[in-house]
Amino acid sequence: MAEGRACSNLGILYQLLNEFEAALKLHKVHLQIAKDLGDRASQGRAYGNIGNAYSSMQQYDLAVRFHKQELAISKVGIQLQLFQLCFKFCCQANVKWQL
């Protein structure tokens, strides 16, 4: 994952230098690494960075598309966290009830 984080950071720097094509290339590498690892949080960050790069290029339709993907991933992540939290409390309650 360190490679993905490095690609993300370099992409952000290229974006600040107005080298948007280089930034997009690095953000897309970051996205692929995150997908290969199944890292949903990093995928969301990569989608957001790609959206920001397209926004900087005034390609707003593409920016919206990638930010919507970022939002979809974050919603799934929140739902999963809530499920895990509920499951944890149910298990704890069951253990206490059995004692």
N, C-alpha and C. Protein backbone atom coordinates (compact mmCIF):
# COMPACT_ATOMS: atom_id res chain seq x y z
N MET A 1 0.82 -1.19 0.00
CA MET A 1 0.00 0.00 0.00
C MET A 1 0.86 1.25 0.00
N ALA A 2 2.10 1.13 0.43
CA ALA A 2 2.98 2.30 0.44
C ALA A 2 3.18 2.84 -0.98
N GLU A 3 3.23 1.94 -1.95
CA GLU A 3 3.38 2.38 -3.33
C GLU A 3 2.16 3.19 -3.78
N GLY A 4 0.99 2.76 -3.40
CA GLY A 4 -0.23 3.50 -3.74
C GLY A 4 -0.25 4.87 -3.10
N ARG A 5 0.14 4.94 -1.84
CA ARG A 5 0.19 6.23 -1.13
C ARG A 5 1.19 7.16 -1.79
N ALA A 6 2.34 6.62 -2.21
CA ALA A 6 3.36 7.44 -2.88
C ALA A 6 2.84 7.96 -4.22
N CYS A 7 2.12 7.11 -4.97
CA CYS A 7 1.53 7.55 -6.24
C CYS A 7 0.52 8.66 -6.00
N SER A 8 -0.27 8.51 -4.96
CA SER A 8 -1.26 9.53 -4.62
C SER A 8 -0.58 10.86 -4.31
N ASN A 9 0.44 10.81 -3.46
CA ASN A 9 1.14 12.04 -3.07
C ASN A 9 1.81 12.71 -4.27
N LEU A 10 2.45 11.92 -5.12
CA LEU A 10 3.07 12.48 -6.31
C LEU A 10 2.02 13.07 -7.25
N GLY A 11 0.89 12.39 -7.36
CA GLY A 11 -0.19 12.91 -8.20
C GLY A 11 -0.68 14.25 -7.72
N ILE A 12 -0.82 14.40 -6.43
CA ILE A 12 -1.25 15.68 -5.85
C ILE A 12 -0.22 16.77 -6.16
N LEU A 13 1.05 16.44 -6.04
CA LEU A 13 2.10 17.43 -6.35
C LEU A 13 2.06 17.84 -7.82
N TYR A 14 1.90 16.85 -8.72
CA TYR A 14 1.80 17.18 -10.14
C TYR A 14 0.58 18.06 -10.41
N GLN A 15 -0.48 17.80 -9.69
CA GLN A 15 -1.67 18.63 -9.86
C GLN A 15 -1.39 20.07 -9.46
N LEU A 16 -0.67 20.26 -8.37
CA LEU A 16 -0.31 21.61 -7.93
C LEU A 16 0.60 22.31 -8.93
N LEU A 17 1.36 21.51 -9.68
CA LEU A 17 2.24 22.07 -10.72
C LEU A 17 1.51 22.23 -12.06
N ASN A 18 0.19 21.99 -12.06
CA ASN A 18 -0.63 22.07 -13.27
C ASN A 18 -0.22 21.06 -14.34
N GLU A 19 0.35 19.96 -13.91
CA GLU A 19 0.69 18.87 -14.83
C GLU A 19 -0.37 17.78 -14.63
N PHE A 20 -1.54 18.06 -15.19
CA PHE A 20 -2.72 17.26 -14.88
C PHE A 20 -2.67 15.86 -15.47
N GLU A 21 -2.12 15.70 -16.65
CA GLU A 21 -2.05 14.36 -17.24
C GLU A 21 -1.17 13.44 -16.40
N ALA A 22 -0.04 13.98 -15.93
CA ALA A 22 0.85 13.19 -15.06
C ALA A 22 0.13 12.87 -13.75
N ALA A 23 -0.62 13.84 -13.23
CA ALA A 23 -1.37 13.62 -11.98
C ALA A 23 -2.40 12.52 -12.17
N LEU A 24 -3.15 12.58 -13.27
CA LEU A 24 -4.17 11.57 -13.52
C LEU A 24 -3.57 10.18 -13.65
N LYS A 25 -2.45 10.10 -14.32
CA LYS A 25 -1.79 8.80 -14.50
C LYS A 25 -1.44 8.19 -13.14
N LEU A 26 -0.88 9.00 -12.25
CA LEU A 26 -0.50 8.51 -10.93
C LEU A 26 -1.72 8.17 -10.07
N HIS A 27 -2.76 8.98 -10.15
CA HIS A 27 -3.97 8.69 -9.37
C HIS A 27 -4.61 7.39 -9.85
N LYS A 28 -4.55 7.15 -11.16
CA LYS A 28 -5.12 5.91 -11.69
C LYS A 28 -4.30 4.69 -11.29
N VAL A 29 -2.98 4.86 -11.19
CA VAL A 29 -2.13 3.76 -10.67
C VAL A 29 -2.51 3.48 -9.22
N HIS A 30 -2.67 4.55 -8.44
CA HIS A 30 -3.09 4.40 -7.04
C HIS A 30 -4.42 3.65 -6.96
N LEU A 31 -5.36 4.01 -7.82
CA LEU A 31 -6.66 3.34 -7.83
C LEU A 31 -6.52 1.85 -8.14
N GLN A 32 -5.70 1.53 -9.11
CA GLN A 32 -5.53 0.11 -9.48
C GLN A 32 -4.89 -0.68 -8.35
N ILE A 33 -3.91 -0.09 -7.71
CA ILE A 33 -3.27 -0.77 -6.57
C ILE A 33 -4.30 -1.01 -5.47
N ALA A 34 -5.11 0.01 -5.17
CA ALA A 34 -6.13 -0.12 -4.13
C ALA A 34 -7.15 -1.20 -4.49
N LYS A 35 -7.54 -1.26 -5.77
CA LYS A 35 -8.48 -2.30 -6.21
C LYS A 35 -7.86 -3.69 -6.06
N ASP A 36 -6.59 -3.81 -6.48
CA ASP A 36 -5.90 -5.10 -6.38
C ASP A 36 -5.83 -5.60 -4.95
N LEU A 37 -5.67 -4.66 -4.01
CA LEU A 37 -5.57 -5.02 -2.59
C LEU A 37 -6.92 -5.11 -1.90
N GLY A 38 -7.98 -4.69 -2.59
CA GLY A 38 -9.31 -4.68 -1.98
C GLY A 38 -9.46 -3.62 -0.91
N ASP A 39 -8.68 -2.57 -1.01
CA ASP A 39 -8.68 -1.49 -0.02
C ASP A 39 -9.69 -0.42 -0.44
N ARG A 40 -10.91 -0.53 0.10
CA ARG A 40 -12.00 0.37 -0.32
C ARG A 40 -11.73 1.82 0.08
N ALA A 41 -11.14 2.06 1.24
CA ALA A 41 -10.87 3.43 1.66
C ALA A 41 -9.89 4.11 0.70
N SER A 42 -8.85 3.38 0.31
CA SER A 42 -7.88 3.95 -0.64
C SER A 42 -8.50 4.14 -2.02
N GLN A 43 -9.41 3.25 -2.38
CA GLN A 43 -10.11 3.42 -3.65
C GLN A 43 -10.90 4.73 -3.64
N GLY A 44 -11.57 4.98 -2.53
CA GLY A 44 -12.33 6.22 -2.40
C GLY A 44 -11.44 7.44 -2.52
N ARG A 45 -10.29 7.40 -1.85
CA ARG A 45 -9.36 8.53 -1.94
C ARG A 45 -8.86 8.72 -3.37
N ALA A 46 -8.57 7.61 -4.04
CA ALA A 46 -8.08 7.70 -5.42
C ALA A 46 -9.16 8.29 -6.33
N TYR A 47 -10.40 7.82 -6.18
CA TYR A 47 -11.50 8.39 -6.98
C TYR A 47 -11.63 9.89 -6.73
N GLY A 48 -11.51 10.29 -5.46
CA GLY A 48 -11.59 11.71 -5.13
C GLY A 48 -10.46 12.52 -5.76
N ASN A 49 -9.25 11.97 -5.71
CA ASN A 49 -8.11 12.66 -6.32
C ASN A 49 -8.26 12.77 -7.83
N ILE A 50 -8.78 11.72 -8.46
CA ILE A 50 -9.02 11.77 -9.91
C ILE A 50 -10.08 12.84 -10.21
N GLY A 51 -11.13 12.87 -9.41
CA GLY A 51 -12.16 13.91 -9.57
C GLY A 51 -11.59 15.30 -9.42
N ASN A 52 -10.72 15.50 -8.44
CA ASN A 52 -10.10 16.81 -8.24
C ASN A 52 -9.24 17.21 -9.44
N ALA A 53 -8.52 16.25 -9.99
CA ALA A 53 -7.67 16.54 -11.16
C ALA A 53 -8.53 16.95 -12.35
N TYR A 54 -9.62 16.22 -12.59
CA TYR A 54 -10.51 16.59 -13.69
C TYR A 54 -11.15 17.95 -13.44
N SER A 55 -11.47 18.24 -12.20
CA SER A 55 -12.03 19.55 -11.87
C SER A 55 -11.02 20.67 -12.17
N SER A 56 -9.77 20.43 -11.84
CA SER A 56 -8.72 21.41 -12.13
C SER A 56 -8.56 21.63 -13.63
N MET A 57 -8.88 20.59 -14.41
CA MET A 57 -8.79 20.69 -15.87
C MET A 57 -10.09 21.24 -16.48
N GLN A 58 -11.03 21.61 -15.61
CA GLN A 58 -12.34 22.12 -15.99
C GLN A 58 -13.15 21.09 -16.79
N GLN A 59 -12.90 19.82 -16.52
CA GLN A 59 -13.68 18.74 -17.11
C GLN A 59 -14.66 18.26 -16.04
N TYR A 60 -15.66 19.09 -15.83
CA TYR A 60 -16.54 18.92 -14.68
C TYR A 60 -17.41 17.67 -14.75
N ASP A 61 -17.81 17.26 -15.95
CA ASP A 61 -18.62 16.04 -16.06
C ASP A 61 -17.84 14.83 -15.55
N LEU A 62 -16.56 14.76 -15.94
CA LEU A 62 -15.73 13.66 -15.45
C LEU A 62 -15.47 13.79 -13.96
N ALA A 63 -15.26 15.02 -13.50
CA ALA A 63 -15.03 15.24 -12.07
C ALA A 63 -16.22 14.74 -11.25
N VAL A 64 -17.43 15.08 -11.69
CA VAL A 64 -18.62 14.63 -10.98
C VAL A 64 -18.71 13.11 -10.99
N ARG A 65 -18.42 12.50 -12.12
CA ARG A 65 -18.49 11.04 -12.22
C ARG A 65 -17.58 10.36 -11.19
N PHE A 66 -16.35 10.86 -11.07
CA PHE A 66 -15.41 10.22 -10.14
C PHE A 66 -15.75 10.55 -8.69
N HIS A 67 -16.25 11.74 -8.43
CA HIS A 67 -16.64 12.06 -7.05
C HIS A 67 -17.87 11.27 -6.63
N LYS A 68 -18.75 10.94 -7.58
CA LYS A 68 -19.90 10.09 -7.25
C LYS A 68 -19.43 8.68 -6.88
N GLN A 69 -18.39 8.20 -7.56
CA GLN A 69 -17.84 6.88 -7.21
C GLN A 69 -17.21 6.93 -5.81
N GLU A 70 -16.54 8.03 -5.52
CA GLU A 70 -15.97 8.20 -4.18
C GLU A 70 -17.07 8.17 -3.12
N LEU A 71 -18.17 8.87 -3.39
CA LEU A 71 -19.29 8.92 -2.45
C LEU A 71 -19.91 7.54 -2.26
N ALA A 72 -20.08 6.80 -3.34
CA ALA A 72 -20.67 5.46 -3.25
C ALA A 72 -19.82 4.56 -2.38
N ILE A 73 -18.51 4.63 -2.54
CA ILE A 73 -17.61 3.80 -1.73
C ILE A 73 -17.68 4.20 -0.26
N SER A 74 -17.76 5.50 0.00
CA SER A 74 -17.80 5.95 1.40
C SER A 74 -19.10 5.52 2.07
N LYS A 75 -20.21 5.51 1.32
CA LYS A 75 -21.48 5.06 1.89
C LYS A 75 -21.42 3.58 2.25
N VAL A 76 -20.84 2.78 1.37
CA VAL A 76 -20.71 1.35 1.65
C VAL A 76 -19.82 1.15 2.88
N GLY A 77 -18.75 1.91 2.97
CA GLY A 77 -17.85 1.81 4.12
C GLY A 77 -18.54 2.14 5.42
N ILE A 78 -19.38 3.16 5.42
CA ILE A 78 -20.11 3.56 6.63
C ILE A 78 -21.10 2.48 7.01
N GLN A 79 -21.82 1.92 6.02
CA GLN A 79 -22.78 0.85 6.31
C GLN A 79 -22.08 -0.36 6.90
N LEU A 80 -20.92 -0.71 6.36
CA LEU A 80 -20.17 -1.86 6.88
C LEU A 80 -19.71 -1.60 8.31
N GLN A 81 -19.24 -0.39 8.58
CA GLN A 81 -18.80 -0.06 9.94
C GLN A 81 -19.96 -0.15 10.92
N LEU A 82 -21.14 0.33 10.51
CA LEU A 82 -22.30 0.24 11.39
C LEU A 82 -22.69 -1.20 11.65
N PHE A 83 -22.67 -2.02 10.60
CA PHE A 83 -22.99 -3.44 10.77
C PHE A 83 -22.01 -4.10 11.74
N GLN A 84 -20.71 -3.83 11.57
CA GLN A 84 -19.71 -4.42 12.44
C GLN A 84 -19.90 -3.98 13.89
N LEU A 85 -20.24 -2.71 14.08
CA LEU A 85 -20.46 -2.19 15.42
C LEU A 85 -21.68 -2.86 16.06
N CYS A 86 -22.76 -2.99 15.29
CA CYS A 86 -23.96 -3.66 15.82
C CYS A 86 -23.67 -5.12 16.17
N PHE A 87 -22.94 -5.79 15.30
CA PHE A 87 -22.60 -7.20 15.55
C PHE A 87 -21.78 -7.32 16.83
N LYS A 88 -20.83 -6.42 17.01
CA LYS A 88 -19.98 -6.44 18.21
C LYS A 88 -20.82 -6.28 19.47
N PHE A 89 -21.74 -5.31 19.46
CA PHE A 89 -22.58 -5.08 20.64
C PHE A 89 -23.53 -6.25 20.89
N CYS A 90 -24.05 -6.84 19.82
CA CYS A 90 -24.93 -8.01 19.99
C CYS A 90 -24.16 -9.17 20.61
N CYS A 91 -22.94 -9.39 20.17
CA CYS A 91 -22.12 -10.47 20.73
C CYS A 91 -21.80 -10.20 22.19
N GLN A 92 -21.48 -8.95 22.52
CA GLN A 92 -21.18 -8.62 23.91
C GLN A 92 -22.41 -8.80 24.79
N ALA A 93 -23.56 -8.39 24.28
CA ALA A 93 -24.80 -8.53 25.05
C ALA A 93 -25.12 -10.01 25.26
N ASN A 94 -24.88 -10.83 24.26
CA ASN A 94 -25.15 -12.26 24.36
C ASN A 94 -24.24 -12.91 25.40
N VAL A 95 -22.99 -12.53 25.41
CA VAL A 95 -22.04 -13.09 26.38
C VAL A 95 -22.47 -12.68 27.79
N LYS A 96 -22.82 -11.43 28.00
CA LYS A 96 -23.25 -10.96 29.33
C LYS A 96 -24.53 -11.66 29.75
N TRP A 97 -25.45 -11.88 28.80
CA TRP A 97 -26.72 -12.52 29.11
C TRP A 97 -26.50 -13.97 29.55
N GLN A 98 -25.53 -14.65 28.91
CA GLN A 98 -25.25 -16.05 29.23
C GLN A 98 -24.56 -16.20 30.58
N LEU A 99 -23.86 -15.16 31.01
CA LEU A 99 -23.19 -15.23 32.32
C LEU A 99 -24.22 -15.12 33.39
